[in-house]
Amino acid sequence: MAMVVGVSLLVPSASTAAGKAEGRPDLTVKLLSANGSGCPRGSAPPVGANVLPTGAVAVRYGNFVVSGGDYRTCVVVVNMATTADWTYTIPSVENRMWVELDAGGTVRLGTSMWFTGFAWTVKDAKQVAGPLSNYWSTSTAPERPTWAPCGQSVNLAIAETVRVAEASSNTASLITTTLDPPTWRRC
């Protein structure tokens, strides 16, 4: 099953900033890398990242499709920069997929996220069973908040693993990973 995501994706050298909302500092996101079988080089384009008007950060996958009996991974690294006297934490991570599952088929999604040089911020796995032919969304929150270093640009790694069980007719396509709008505080 091929899925085309009808959105504009950024190339790795591009960066975006959210329009500044009242009481919220600027946040700039730049995609540094995307590696793995779920986001292979040469796919057009494999991954894009940008800040939404709400302040959330969206990572969009161009061709992260998995068939039954297989799994795929993608590790995305984004640089996140903000105003020097602010820090933030990511309160939760949401994923959206399209799944086609026969009775007995399952999809397992593993999500990990961390600021480079720090302990895991999020490490979670969710599973859904068929029959199902629809969107599937997951949400997970850190056990405790991890704050970005004050006054520094920091890299955030997001690792997604999708595993599909049973027949090859079972498929899953990871569409987006969304980091909910950050919780802010002054340094």
N, C-alpha and C. Protein backbone atom coordinates (compact mmCIF):
# COMPACT_ATOMS: atom_id res chain seq x y z
N MET A 1 0.84 -1.17 0.00
CA MET A 1 0.00 0.00 0.00
C MET A 1 0.88 1.23 0.00
N ALA A 2 0.79 2.04 -1.01
CA ALA A 2 1.56 3.27 -1.06
C ALA A 2 0.67 4.39 -0.57
N MET A 3 1.25 5.26 0.24
CA MET A 3 0.46 6.38 0.75
C MET A 3 1.18 7.66 0.40
N VAL A 4 0.48 8.59 -0.17
CA VAL A 4 1.04 9.89 -0.48
C VAL A 4 0.48 10.87 0.52
N VAL A 5 1.37 11.57 1.17
CA VAL A 5 0.94 12.57 2.14
C VAL A 5 0.90 13.90 1.42
N GLY A 6 -0.26 14.51 1.36
CA GLY A 6 -0.45 15.74 0.59
C GLY A 6 -0.12 16.99 1.36
N VAL A 7 1.11 17.08 1.85
CA VAL A 7 1.55 18.28 2.55
C VAL A 7 2.93 18.64 2.06
N SER A 8 3.28 19.87 2.21
CA SER A 8 4.61 20.32 1.84
C SER A 8 5.59 19.89 2.92
N LEU A 9 6.64 19.18 2.52
CA LEU A 9 7.64 18.73 3.47
C LEU A 9 8.90 19.55 3.28
N LEU A 10 9.59 19.79 4.37
CA LEU A 10 10.80 20.59 4.31
C LEU A 10 12.00 19.73 3.98
N VAL A 11 12.97 20.30 3.31
CA VAL A 11 14.22 19.62 3.08
C VAL A 11 15.10 19.86 4.29
N PRO A 12 16.12 19.00 4.53
CA PRO A 12 16.90 19.12 5.75
C PRO A 12 17.53 20.48 6.00
N SER A 13 17.82 21.27 4.99
CA SER A 13 18.46 22.55 5.24
C SER A 13 17.49 23.66 5.61
N ALA A 14 16.19 23.39 5.52
CA ALA A 14 15.20 24.43 5.82
C ALA A 14 14.90 24.48 7.31
N SER A 15 14.47 25.64 7.79
CA SER A 15 14.03 25.75 9.17
C SER A 15 12.76 26.58 9.21
N THR A 16 11.99 26.39 10.27
CA THR A 16 10.75 27.14 10.41
C THR A 16 10.62 27.62 11.84
N ALA A 17 9.90 28.69 11.99
CA ALA A 17 9.61 29.22 13.33
C ALA A 17 8.12 29.46 13.42
N ALA A 18 7.58 29.22 14.57
CA ALA A 18 6.16 29.48 14.79
C ALA A 18 5.96 30.98 14.95
N GLY A 19 4.82 31.46 14.49
CA GLY A 19 4.47 32.85 14.75
C GLY A 19 4.36 33.01 16.26
N LYS A 20 4.88 34.08 16.79
CA LYS A 20 4.93 34.25 18.23
C LYS A 20 3.54 34.54 18.78
N ALA A 21 3.04 33.66 19.60
CA ALA A 21 1.77 33.87 20.29
C ALA A 21 2.04 34.61 21.59
N GLU A 22 1.03 35.23 22.12
CA GLU A 22 1.16 35.97 23.37
C GLU A 22 1.70 35.07 24.48
N GLY A 23 2.80 35.48 25.11
CA GLY A 23 3.35 34.74 26.23
C GLY A 23 4.19 33.54 25.84
N ARG A 24 4.40 33.32 24.53
CA ARG A 24 5.18 32.17 24.09
C ARG A 24 6.40 32.66 23.32
N PRO A 25 7.60 32.21 23.70
CA PRO A 25 8.79 32.62 22.96
C PRO A 25 8.82 31.95 21.58
N ASP A 26 9.70 32.42 20.73
CA ASP A 26 9.88 31.81 19.41
C ASP A 26 10.55 30.45 19.56
N LEU A 27 10.14 29.51 18.74
CA LEU A 27 10.76 28.19 18.66
C LEU A 27 11.08 27.93 17.21
N THR A 28 12.33 27.60 16.93
CA THR A 28 12.78 27.30 15.57
C THR A 28 13.19 25.84 15.51
N VAL A 29 12.76 25.16 14.46
CA VAL A 29 13.05 23.74 14.30
C VAL A 29 13.75 23.55 12.96
N LYS A 30 14.84 22.78 12.98
CA LYS A 30 15.56 22.46 11.75
C LYS A 30 15.82 20.96 11.72
N LEU A 31 15.38 20.31 10.67
CA LEU A 31 15.62 18.88 10.50
C LEU A 31 17.10 18.66 10.19
N LEU A 32 17.77 17.86 11.04
CA LEU A 32 19.19 17.58 10.83
C LEU A 32 19.41 16.26 10.11
N SER A 33 18.63 15.23 10.50
CA SER A 33 18.81 13.93 9.86
C SER A 33 17.58 13.06 10.06
N ALA A 34 17.44 12.09 9.17
CA ALA A 34 16.41 11.07 9.27
C ALA A 34 17.03 9.79 8.71
N ASN A 35 17.15 8.79 9.56
CA ASN A 35 17.82 7.55 9.16
C ASN A 35 17.02 6.34 9.58
N GLY A 36 17.02 5.31 8.74
CA GLY A 36 16.39 4.06 9.08
C GLY A 36 15.59 3.51 7.91
N SER A 37 15.14 2.28 8.08
CA SER A 37 14.40 1.61 7.01
C SER A 37 13.03 2.22 6.77
N GLY A 38 12.49 2.96 7.74
CA GLY A 38 11.19 3.61 7.58
C GLY A 38 11.29 4.96 6.89
N CYS A 39 12.49 5.48 6.79
CA CYS A 39 12.70 6.78 6.12
C CYS A 39 13.99 6.70 5.30
N PRO A 40 14.01 5.80 4.32
CA PRO A 40 15.25 5.59 3.56
C PRO A 40 15.61 6.81 2.71
N ARG A 41 16.90 7.01 2.58
CA ARG A 41 17.37 8.08 1.69
C ARG A 41 16.92 7.75 0.28
N GLY A 42 16.62 8.78 -0.45
CA GLY A 42 16.19 8.57 -1.83
C GLY A 42 14.68 8.55 -1.99
N SER A 43 13.93 8.34 -0.88
CA SER A 43 12.48 8.46 -1.01
C SER A 43 12.18 9.95 -1.05
N ALA A 44 11.10 10.34 -1.63
CA ALA A 44 10.88 11.74 -1.99
C ALA A 44 9.85 12.45 -1.14
N PRO A 45 10.19 13.39 -0.34
CA PRO A 45 11.26 13.40 0.66
C PRO A 45 10.87 12.48 1.81
N PRO A 46 11.83 11.87 2.48
CA PRO A 46 11.47 10.89 3.51
C PRO A 46 10.81 11.50 4.74
N VAL A 47 11.25 12.68 5.14
CA VAL A 47 10.76 13.27 6.40
C VAL A 47 10.80 14.79 6.28
N GLY A 48 9.85 15.45 6.95
CA GLY A 48 9.86 16.91 7.07
C GLY A 48 9.47 17.28 8.48
N ALA A 49 9.89 18.44 8.95
CA ALA A 49 9.55 18.89 10.30
C ALA A 49 9.28 20.38 10.28
N ASN A 50 8.26 20.80 11.03
CA ASN A 50 7.98 22.23 11.13
C ASN A 50 7.19 22.53 12.39
N VAL A 51 7.18 23.81 12.77
CA VAL A 51 6.42 24.29 13.91
C VAL A 51 5.05 24.72 13.39
N LEU A 52 3.99 24.21 14.00
CA LEU A 52 2.63 24.56 13.62
C LEU A 52 2.22 25.87 14.30
N PRO A 53 1.17 26.53 13.82
CA PRO A 53 0.71 27.77 14.45
C PRO A 53 0.37 27.61 15.94
N THR A 54 0.00 26.41 16.36
CA THR A 54 -0.32 26.17 17.77
C THR A 54 0.92 26.10 18.65
N GLY A 55 2.10 26.00 18.03
CA GLY A 55 3.35 25.82 18.78
C GLY A 55 3.79 24.37 18.82
N ALA A 56 2.94 23.43 18.38
CA ALA A 56 3.32 22.02 18.30
C ALA A 56 4.36 21.84 17.19
N VAL A 57 5.15 20.80 17.28
CA VAL A 57 6.14 20.46 16.25
C VAL A 57 5.66 19.20 15.55
N ALA A 58 5.53 19.27 14.23
CA ALA A 58 5.04 18.13 13.45
C ALA A 58 6.18 17.54 12.63
N VAL A 59 6.34 16.23 12.74
CA VAL A 59 7.26 15.48 11.89
C VAL A 59 6.38 14.65 10.96
N ARG A 60 6.57 14.81 9.66
CA ARG A 60 5.76 14.10 8.66
C ARG A 60 6.64 13.13 7.89
N TYR A 61 6.12 11.93 7.70
CA TYR A 61 6.87 10.87 7.02
C TYR A 61 6.32 10.71 5.61
N GLY A 62 7.19 10.63 4.63
CA GLY A 62 6.79 10.54 3.25
C GLY A 62 6.41 9.14 2.79
N ASN A 63 7.07 8.11 3.33
CA ASN A 63 6.82 6.75 2.84
C ASN A 63 7.19 5.72 3.90
N PHE A 64 6.67 5.87 5.12
CA PHE A 64 6.96 4.95 6.23
C PHE A 64 5.87 3.88 6.24
N VAL A 65 6.00 2.90 5.36
CA VAL A 65 4.99 1.86 5.18
C VAL A 65 5.60 0.50 5.55
N VAL A 66 4.83 -0.29 6.33
CA VAL A 66 5.29 -1.60 6.78
C VAL A 66 4.22 -2.64 6.44
N SER A 67 4.66 -3.78 5.90
CA SER A 67 3.74 -4.89 5.61
C SER A 67 3.90 -5.98 6.65
N GLY A 68 2.90 -6.87 6.73
CA GLY A 68 2.90 -7.94 7.72
C GLY A 68 4.16 -8.78 7.70
N GLY A 69 4.58 -9.19 8.88
CA GLY A 69 5.79 -10.01 9.02
C GLY A 69 7.07 -9.19 8.97
N ASP A 70 6.98 -7.88 9.07
CA ASP A 70 8.16 -7.03 8.95
C ASP A 70 8.08 -5.86 9.94
N TYR A 71 9.17 -5.13 10.03
CA TYR A 71 9.18 -3.92 10.84
C TYR A 71 10.09 -2.90 10.18
N ARG A 72 9.89 -1.64 10.52
CA ARG A 72 10.70 -0.53 10.01
C ARG A 72 10.94 0.45 11.16
N THR A 73 12.07 1.15 11.07
CA THR A 73 12.40 2.16 12.07
C THR A 73 12.80 3.46 11.38
N CYS A 74 12.67 4.55 12.10
CA CYS A 74 13.16 5.84 11.63
C CYS A 74 13.58 6.65 12.85
N VAL A 75 14.80 7.15 12.82
CA VAL A 75 15.29 8.03 13.88
C VAL A 75 15.48 9.41 13.25
N VAL A 76 14.72 10.36 13.76
CA VAL A 76 14.75 11.74 13.27
C VAL A 76 15.46 12.59 14.32
N VAL A 77 16.38 13.44 13.88
CA VAL A 77 17.04 14.38 14.78
C VAL A 77 16.72 15.79 14.29
N VAL A 78 16.13 16.58 15.18
CA VAL A 78 15.81 17.97 14.86
C VAL A 78 16.53 18.88 15.85
N ASN A 79 16.99 20.01 15.34
CA ASN A 79 17.57 21.02 16.20
C ASN A 79 16.45 21.97 16.60
N MET A 80 16.32 22.22 17.89
CA MET A 80 15.27 23.10 18.41
C MET A 80 15.94 24.25 19.16
N ALA A 81 15.65 25.46 18.69
CA ALA A 81 16.27 26.64 19.29
C ALA A 81 15.17 27.60 19.73
N THR A 82 15.43 28.30 20.84
CA THR A 82 14.47 29.28 21.35
C THR A 82 15.20 30.48 21.91
N THR A 83 14.44 31.44 22.36
CA THR A 83 14.97 32.67 22.95
C THR A 83 15.87 32.31 24.14
N ALA A 84 16.96 33.05 24.29
CA ALA A 84 18.01 32.71 25.25
C ALA A 84 17.55 32.57 26.69
N ASP A 85 16.54 33.30 27.13
CA ASP A 85 16.17 33.25 28.54
C ASP A 85 14.98 32.34 28.81
N TRP A 86 14.72 31.40 27.91
CA TRP A 86 13.60 30.46 28.08
C TRP A 86 14.07 29.02 27.97
N THR A 87 13.33 28.13 28.62
CA THR A 87 13.50 26.69 28.45
C THR A 87 12.12 26.08 28.28
N TYR A 88 12.08 24.84 27.86
CA TYR A 88 10.79 24.19 27.59
C TYR A 88 10.91 22.68 27.82
N THR A 89 9.77 22.05 27.97
CA THR A 89 9.67 20.61 27.99
C THR A 89 8.53 20.21 27.06
N ILE A 90 8.62 19.02 26.51
CA ILE A 90 7.58 18.52 25.61
C ILE A 90 6.60 17.70 26.47
N PRO A 91 5.33 18.12 26.60
CA PRO A 91 4.40 17.44 27.50
C PRO A 91 3.89 16.09 27.00
N SER A 92 3.80 15.91 25.68
CA SER A 92 3.34 14.62 25.15
C SER A 92 3.66 14.51 23.67
N VAL A 93 3.62 13.28 23.20
CA VAL A 93 3.91 12.95 21.80
C VAL A 93 2.72 12.18 21.25
N GLU A 94 2.26 12.57 20.07
CA GLU A 94 1.15 11.89 19.43
C GLU A 94 1.59 11.36 18.07
N ASN A 95 1.10 10.18 17.72
CA ASN A 95 1.38 9.57 16.43
C ASN A 95 0.07 9.29 15.71
N ARG A 96 0.11 9.38 14.39
CA ARG A 96 -1.07 9.09 13.57
C ARG A 96 -0.63 8.16 12.45
N MET A 97 -1.39 7.06 12.31
CA MET A 97 -1.09 6.03 11.30
C MET A 97 -2.36 5.66 10.55
N TRP A 98 -2.15 5.06 9.38
CA TRP A 98 -3.24 4.39 8.68
C TRP A 98 -2.93 2.91 8.77
N VAL A 99 -3.90 2.10 9.23
CA VAL A 99 -3.67 0.66 9.35
C VAL A 99 -4.73 -0.11 8.58
N GLU A 100 -4.30 -1.19 7.95
CA GLU A 100 -5.16 -2.16 7.26
C GLU A 100 -4.83 -3.52 7.86
N LEU A 101 -5.72 -4.02 8.74
CA LEU A 101 -5.45 -5.26 9.45
C LEU A 101 -6.59 -6.25 9.27
N ASP A 102 -6.22 -7.49 8.95
CA ASP A 102 -7.17 -8.60 8.95
C ASP A 102 -7.37 -9.05 10.39
N ALA A 103 -8.35 -9.92 10.61
CA ALA A 103 -8.52 -10.52 11.94
C ALA A 103 -7.22 -11.25 12.28
N GLY A 104 -6.70 -11.02 13.48
CA GLY A 104 -5.45 -11.65 13.89
C GLY A 104 -4.21 -10.81 13.61
N GLY A 105 -4.31 -9.83 12.72
CA GLY A 105 -3.17 -8.96 12.43
C GLY A 105 -2.99 -7.93 13.53
N THR A 106 -1.75 -7.55 13.80
CA THR A 106 -1.48 -6.53 14.81
C THR A 106 -0.43 -5.54 14.31
N VAL A 107 -0.49 -4.34 14.85
CA VAL A 107 0.53 -3.32 14.64
C VAL A 107 1.03 -2.90 16.01
N ARG A 108 2.34 -2.84 16.14
CA ARG A 108 2.96 -2.36 17.38
C ARG A 108 3.81 -1.15 17.02
N LEU A 109 3.59 -0.05 17.74
CA LEU A 109 4.35 1.18 17.52
C LEU A 109 5.17 1.49 18.77
N GLY A 110 6.47 1.55 18.60
CA GLY A 110 7.37 1.93 19.69
C GLY A 110 7.86 3.34 19.47
N THR A 111 7.75 4.19 20.47
CA THR A 111 8.17 5.58 20.38
C THR A 111 9.18 5.88 21.48
N SER A 112 10.29 6.49 21.09
CA SER A 112 11.29 6.96 22.05
C SER A 112 11.67 8.38 21.66
N MET A 113 11.95 9.21 22.66
CA MET A 113 12.35 10.59 22.40
C MET A 113 13.30 11.02 23.50
N TRP A 114 14.31 11.82 23.13
CA TRP A 114 15.26 12.31 24.12
C TRP A 114 16.02 13.51 23.56
N PHE A 115 16.41 14.41 24.46
CA PHE A 115 17.35 15.46 24.12
C PHE A 115 18.72 14.81 24.11
N THR A 116 19.53 15.05 23.08
CA THR A 116 20.83 14.40 23.01
C THR A 116 21.66 14.78 24.23
N GLY A 117 22.26 13.76 24.83
CA GLY A 117 23.05 13.95 26.03
C GLY A 117 22.26 13.80 27.32
N PHE A 118 20.95 13.54 27.22
CA PHE A 118 20.10 13.37 28.40
C PHE A 118 19.44 12.00 28.38
N ALA A 119 18.85 11.62 29.50
CA ALA A 119 18.13 10.35 29.58
C ALA A 119 16.86 10.41 28.72
N TRP A 120 16.24 9.23 28.50
CA TRP A 120 15.00 9.17 27.74
C TRP A 120 13.98 10.13 28.30
N THR A 121 13.31 10.85 27.43
CA THR A 121 12.18 11.68 27.83
C THR A 121 10.91 10.86 27.70
N VAL A 122 10.82 10.10 26.60
CA VAL A 122 9.66 9.24 26.34
C VAL A 122 10.18 7.90 25.86
N LYS A 123 9.61 6.83 26.38
CA LYS A 123 9.88 5.48 25.90
C LYS A 123 8.59 4.71 26.11
N ASP A 124 7.90 4.36 25.01
CA ASP A 124 6.56 3.79 25.11
C ASP A 124 6.29 2.88 23.93
N ALA A 125 5.37 1.95 24.11
CA ALA A 125 4.92 1.08 23.02
C ALA A 125 3.42 0.89 23.14
N LYS A 126 2.76 0.90 21.98
CA LYS A 126 1.32 0.69 21.92
C LYS A 126 1.05 -0.34 20.84
N GLN A 127 -0.10 -1.04 20.95
CA GLN A 127 -0.45 -2.07 19.97
C GLN A 127 -1.94 -2.02 19.68
N VAL A 128 -2.30 -2.33 18.43
CA VAL A 128 -3.69 -2.43 18.02
C VAL A 128 -3.85 -3.72 17.21
N ALA A 129 -5.03 -4.35 17.34
CA ALA A 129 -5.30 -5.61 16.64
C ALA A 129 -6.45 -5.43 15.66
N GLY A 130 -6.43 -6.26 14.61
CA GLY A 130 -7.48 -6.23 13.60
C GLY A 130 -8.66 -7.08 14.01
N PRO A 131 -9.71 -7.04 13.23
CA PRO A 131 -9.77 -6.35 11.94
C PRO A 131 -9.94 -4.85 12.12
N LEU A 132 -9.24 -4.10 11.27
CA LEU A 132 -9.29 -2.64 11.33
C LEU A 132 -8.81 -2.08 10.00
N SER A 133 -9.53 -1.11 9.48
CA SER A 133 -9.13 -0.37 8.29
C SER A 133 -9.48 1.09 8.55
N ASN A 134 -8.53 1.81 9.19
CA ASN A 134 -8.84 3.16 9.62
C ASN A 134 -7.56 3.83 10.14
N TYR A 135 -7.71 5.11 10.51
CA TYR A 135 -6.62 5.79 11.19
C TYR A 135 -6.51 5.26 12.60
N TRP A 136 -5.27 5.22 13.10
CA TRP A 136 -5.00 4.82 14.48
C TRP A 136 -4.08 5.89 15.06
N SER A 137 -4.47 6.46 16.18
CA SER A 137 -3.67 7.49 16.84
C SER A 137 -3.25 7.03 18.22
N THR A 138 -2.04 7.40 18.60
CA THR A 138 -1.53 7.08 19.93
C THR A 138 -1.04 8.36 20.58
N SER A 139 -0.98 8.35 21.90
CA SER A 139 -0.46 9.48 22.64
C SER A 139 0.30 8.95 23.85
N THR A 140 1.41 9.57 24.16
CA THR A 140 2.18 9.19 25.34
C THR A 140 2.82 10.44 25.94
N ALA A 141 2.98 10.42 27.24
CA ALA A 141 3.58 11.54 27.96
C ALA A 141 4.79 11.05 28.74
N PRO A 142 5.78 11.91 28.95
CA PRO A 142 6.94 11.52 29.76
C PRO A 142 6.52 11.22 31.19
N GLU A 143 7.23 10.32 31.84
CA GLU A 143 6.96 10.04 33.25
C GLU A 143 7.27 11.26 34.09
N ARG A 144 8.33 11.97 33.73
CA ARG A 144 8.67 13.23 34.39
C ARG A 144 9.24 14.15 33.32
N PRO A 145 9.02 15.45 33.46
CA PRO A 145 9.48 16.38 32.42
C PRO A 145 11.00 16.47 32.38
N THR A 146 11.53 16.55 31.16
CA THR A 146 12.94 16.83 30.94
C THR A 146 13.01 18.19 30.26
N TRP A 147 13.67 19.14 30.90
CA TRP A 147 13.74 20.50 30.39
C TRP A 147 14.96 20.65 29.50
N ALA A 148 14.78 21.35 28.39
CA ALA A 148 15.89 21.65 27.49
C ALA A 148 16.87 22.56 28.23
N PRO A 149 18.17 22.48 27.90
CA PRO A 149 19.13 23.37 28.55
C PRO A 149 18.78 24.83 28.28
N CYS A 150 18.92 25.66 29.30
CA CYS A 150 18.60 27.09 29.17
C CYS A 150 19.54 27.79 28.20
N GLY A 151 18.95 28.62 27.35
CA GLY A 151 19.74 29.47 26.48
C GLY A 151 20.55 28.76 25.44
N GLN A 152 20.22 27.51 25.13
CA GLN A 152 21.00 26.76 24.16
C GLN A 152 20.10 26.16 23.10
N SER A 153 20.66 26.06 21.92
CA SER A 153 20.03 25.28 20.87
C SER A 153 20.30 23.83 21.21
N VAL A 154 19.31 22.95 21.08
CA VAL A 154 19.49 21.56 21.49
C VAL A 154 18.92 20.63 20.42
N ASN A 155 19.52 19.46 20.31
CA ASN A 155 19.02 18.46 19.37
C ASN A 155 18.08 17.51 20.09
N LEU A 156 16.99 17.19 19.43
CA LEU A 156 16.00 16.26 19.95
C LEU A 156 15.93 15.08 19.00
N ALA A 157 16.07 13.87 19.54
CA ALA A 157 15.97 12.65 18.73
C ALA A 157 14.62 12.00 18.98
N ILE A 158 13.98 11.56 17.90
CA ILE A 158 12.69 10.87 17.96
C ILE A 158 12.86 9.58 17.18
N ALA A 159 12.67 8.45 17.86
CA ALA A 159 12.81 7.14 17.22
C ALA A 159 11.46 6.44 17.19
N GLU A 160 11.04 6.04 16.00
CA GLU A 160 9.77 5.34 15.81
C GLU A 160 10.05 3.98 15.20
N THR A 161 9.43 2.93 15.77
CA THR A 161 9.53 1.58 15.23
C THR A 161 8.12 1.04 15.04
N VAL A 162 7.82 0.60 13.82
CA VAL A 162 6.52 0.03 13.51
C VAL A 162 6.73 -1.44 13.13
N ARG A 163 6.00 -2.31 13.81
CA ARG A 163 6.09 -3.76 13.57
C ARG A 163 4.68 -4.27 13.25
N VAL A 164 4.54 -4.98 12.12
CA VAL A 164 3.25 -5.53 11.69
C VAL A 164 3.36 -7.05 11.68
N ALA A 165 2.39 -7.72 12.36
CA ALA A 165 2.40 -9.18 12.45
C ALA A 165 1.39 -9.78 11.49
N GLU A 166 1.59 -11.04 11.20
CA GLU A 166 0.71 -11.87 10.36
C GLU A 166 0.96 -11.63 8.88
N ALA A 167 -0.06 -11.85 8.06
CA ALA A 167 0.07 -11.89 6.60
C ALA A 167 0.52 -10.55 6.02
N SER A 168 1.13 -10.62 4.82
CA SER A 168 1.61 -9.41 4.16
C SER A 168 0.47 -8.48 3.75
N SER A 169 -0.76 -8.96 3.76
CA SER A 169 -1.90 -8.09 3.45
C SER A 169 -2.16 -7.08 4.57
N ASN A 170 -1.60 -7.32 5.75
CA ASN A 170 -1.69 -6.37 6.85
C ASN A 170 -0.62 -5.29 6.63
N THR A 171 -1.03 -4.02 6.68
CA THR A 171 -0.08 -2.93 6.47
C THR A 171 -0.34 -1.80 7.45
N ALA A 172 0.70 -1.02 7.66
CA ALA A 172 0.60 0.19 8.50
C ALA A 172 1.47 1.26 7.88
N SER A 173 0.99 2.49 7.92
CA SER A 173 1.73 3.62 7.39
C SER A 173 1.76 4.73 8.44
N LEU A 174 2.95 5.01 8.96
CA LEU A 174 3.10 6.11 9.92
C LEU A 174 3.08 7.42 9.14
N ILE A 175 2.17 8.31 9.52
CA ILE A 175 1.98 9.56 8.79
C ILE A 175 2.66 10.71 9.51
N THR A 176 2.35 10.90 10.80
CA THR A 176 2.93 12.02 11.56
C THR A 176 3.27 11.63 12.99
N THR A 177 4.27 12.30 13.50
CA THR A 177 4.58 12.33 14.93
C THR A 177 4.49 13.81 15.31
N THR A 178 3.66 14.11 16.30
CA THR A 178 3.47 15.50 16.72
C THR A 178 3.89 15.66 18.17
N LEU A 179 4.80 16.60 18.39
CA LEU A 179 5.20 16.96 19.75
C LEU A 179 4.27 18.08 20.17
N ASP A 180 3.44 17.84 21.18
CA ASP A 180 2.47 18.83 21.60
C ASP A 180 3.16 20.14 21.98
N PRO A 181 2.43 21.27 21.95
CA PRO A 181 3.06 22.56 22.25
C PRO A 181 3.85 22.50 23.56
N PRO A 182 5.08 23.00 23.53
CA PRO A 182 5.93 22.93 24.73
C PRO A 182 5.33 23.68 25.91
N THR A 183 5.71 23.22 27.09
CA THR A 183 5.46 23.95 28.32
C THR A 183 6.70 24.81 28.55
N TRP A 184 6.50 26.10 28.75
CA TRP A 184 7.61 27.05 28.83
C TRP A 184 7.84 27.53 30.27
N ARG A 185 9.11 27.90 30.55
CA ARG A 185 9.43 28.62 31.78
C ARG A 185 10.70 29.43 31.55
N ARG A 186 10.82 30.50 32.32
CA ARG A 186 12.02 31.33 32.19
C ARG A 186 13.19 30.67 32.90
N CYS A 187 14.36 30.90 32.37
CA CYS A 187 15.59 30.32 32.97
C CYS A 187 15.96 31.08 34.23
